[in-house]
């Protein structure tokens, strides 16, 4: 059981870390992998507790800010995700989404 948990949880963590710079739920997959590993490994439970504490701290900090500030942070996050998606499409899939949209509007 311990080996299966290690392999599956480790695979999730590695997959999540690969996904972090790309658009998608990279950190969520890393946390899911840590959750699986925490079933059998004390170091993973400790690391997961640290991650939970930081997420809780961030949530409390951002929640205490004004609605305008939260909107700016959310918009900045969307811009970063959009640029990441565009770069991924352009250089991995070789599709220029900006040019495609421009062609659709011009048609």
Protein backbone atom coordinates (compact mmCIF):
# COMPACT_ATOMS: atom_id res chain seq x y z
CA UNK A 1 0.00 0.00 0.00
CA UNK A 2 2.79 2.40 0.92
CA UNK A 3 4.49 1.92 -2.47
CA UNK A 4 1.23 2.50 -4.38
CA UNK A 5 0.51 5.66 -2.39
CA UNK A 6 4.08 6.87 -3.00
CA UNK A 7 3.96 6.24 -6.72
CA UNK A 8 0.48 7.72 -7.25
CA UNK A 9 1.00 10.71 -4.95
CA UNK A 10 4.47 11.36 -6.38
CA UNK A 11 3.12 11.22 -9.92
CA UNK A 12 0.43 13.76 -9.01
CA UNK A 13 2.98 16.10 -7.46
CA UNK A 14 5.30 15.87 -10.48
CA UNK A 15 2.40 16.34 -12.91
CA UNK A 16 1.17 19.34 -10.91
CA UNK A 17 4.63 20.92 -10.88
CA UNK A 18 4.85 20.50 -14.64
CA UNK A 19 1.44 22.18 -14.93
CA UNK A 20 2.31 25.16 -12.69
CA UNK A 21 3.76 27.41 -15.42
CA UNK A 22 1.07 26.33 -17.89
CA UNK A 23 -2.55 27.38 -17.68
CA UNK A 24 -4.44 24.94 -15.55
CA UNK A 25 -4.82 23.77 -11.99
CA UNK A 26 -1.13 23.03 -11.35
CA UNK A 27 -1.02 23.94 -7.68
CA UNK A 28 -4.32 22.18 -7.05
CA UNK A 29 -2.84 18.95 -8.49
CA UNK A 30 0.31 19.40 -6.36
CA UNK A 31 -1.86 19.77 -3.24
CA UNK A 32 -3.90 16.71 -4.25
CA UNK A 33 -0.67 14.74 -4.64
CA UNK A 34 0.53 15.89 -1.23
CA UNK A 35 -2.81 14.85 0.24
CA UNK A 36 -2.37 11.36 -1.18
CA UNK A 37 1.22 11.16 0.10
CA UNK A 38 0.13 12.43 3.54
CA UNK A 39 -1.85 9.21 4.04
CA UNK A 40 1.42 7.30 4.47
CA UNK A 41 4.26 9.80 4.97
CA UNK A 42 4.79 12.17 7.91
CA UNK A 43 6.91 14.60 5.84
CA UNK A 44 4.01 15.01 3.41
CA UNK A 45 1.57 15.67 6.28
CA UNK A 46 3.95 18.33 7.59
CA UNK A 47 4.38 19.94 4.15
CA UNK A 48 0.61 19.84 3.54
CA UNK A 49 0.03 21.59 6.89
CA UNK A 50 2.44 24.34 5.83
CA UNK A 51 0.68 24.73 2.47
CA UNK A 52 -2.74 24.88 4.18
CA UNK A 53 -1.45 27.51 6.59
CA UNK A 54 -0.15 29.68 3.72
CA UNK A 55 -3.37 29.32 1.72
CA UNK A 56 -5.42 30.23 4.81
CA UNK A 57 -3.14 33.22 5.46
CA UNK A 58 -3.44 34.41 1.83
CA UNK A 59 -7.22 33.98 1.89
CA UNK A 60 -7.50 35.97 5.12
CA UNK A 61 -5.14 38.69 3.84
CA UNK A 62 -6.87 39.15 0.49
CA UNK A 63 -10.31 38.98 2.14
CA UNK A 64 -9.38 41.89 4.41
CA UNK A 65 -8.63 44.13 1.43
CA UNK A 66 -11.10 46.37 -0.35
CA UNK A 67 -13.29 45.06 -3.13
CA UNK A 68 -11.42 47.25 -5.63
CA UNK A 69 -8.07 45.78 -4.59
CA UNK A 70 -9.42 42.21 -4.82
CA UNK A 71 -10.79 43.03 -8.27
CA UNK A 72 -7.38 44.32 -9.42
CA UNK A 73 -5.65 41.20 -8.05
CA UNK A 74 -8.24 38.98 -9.75
CA UNK A 75 -7.88 40.87 -13.03
CA UNK A 76 -4.08 40.60 -12.83
CA UNK A 77 -4.46 36.85 -12.27
CA UNK A 78 -6.70 36.57 -15.32
CA UNK A 79 -4.19 38.52 -17.42
CA UNK A 80 -1.37 36.21 -16.30
CA UNK A 81 -3.49 33.14 -17.10
CA UNK A 82 -4.49 34.60 -20.47
CA UNK A 83 -0.90 35.37 -21.43
CA UNK A 84 0.12 31.90 -20.26
CA UNK A 85 -2.62 30.32 -22.36
CA UNK A 86 -1.63 32.40 -25.39
CA UNK A 87 2.07 31.51 -25.03
CA UNK A 88 1.20 27.83 -24.57
CA UNK A 89 -1.02 27.81 -27.64
CA UNK A 90 1.47 29.75 -29.77
CA UNK A 91 4.65 27.88 -28.89
CA UNK A 92 3.41 24.40 -27.95
CA UNK A 93 0.37 23.88 -30.21
CA UNK A 94 1.54 26.43 -32.85
CA UNK A 95 -1.80 28.25 -32.94
CA UNK A 96 -1.75 32.04 -32.71
CA UNK A 97 -4.99 32.75 -30.85
CA UNK A 98 -4.69 36.52 -31.31
CA UNK A 99 -4.35 36.16 -35.09
CA UNK A 100 -7.19 33.62 -35.17
CA UNK A 101 -9.54 35.96 -33.28
CA UNK A 102 -8.51 38.83 -35.56
CA UNK A 103 -9.35 36.69 -38.61
CA UNK A 104 -12.73 35.78 -37.12
CA UNK A 105 -13.60 39.40 -36.41
CA UNK A 106 -12.41 40.51 -39.87
CA UNK A 107 -14.46 37.85 -41.67
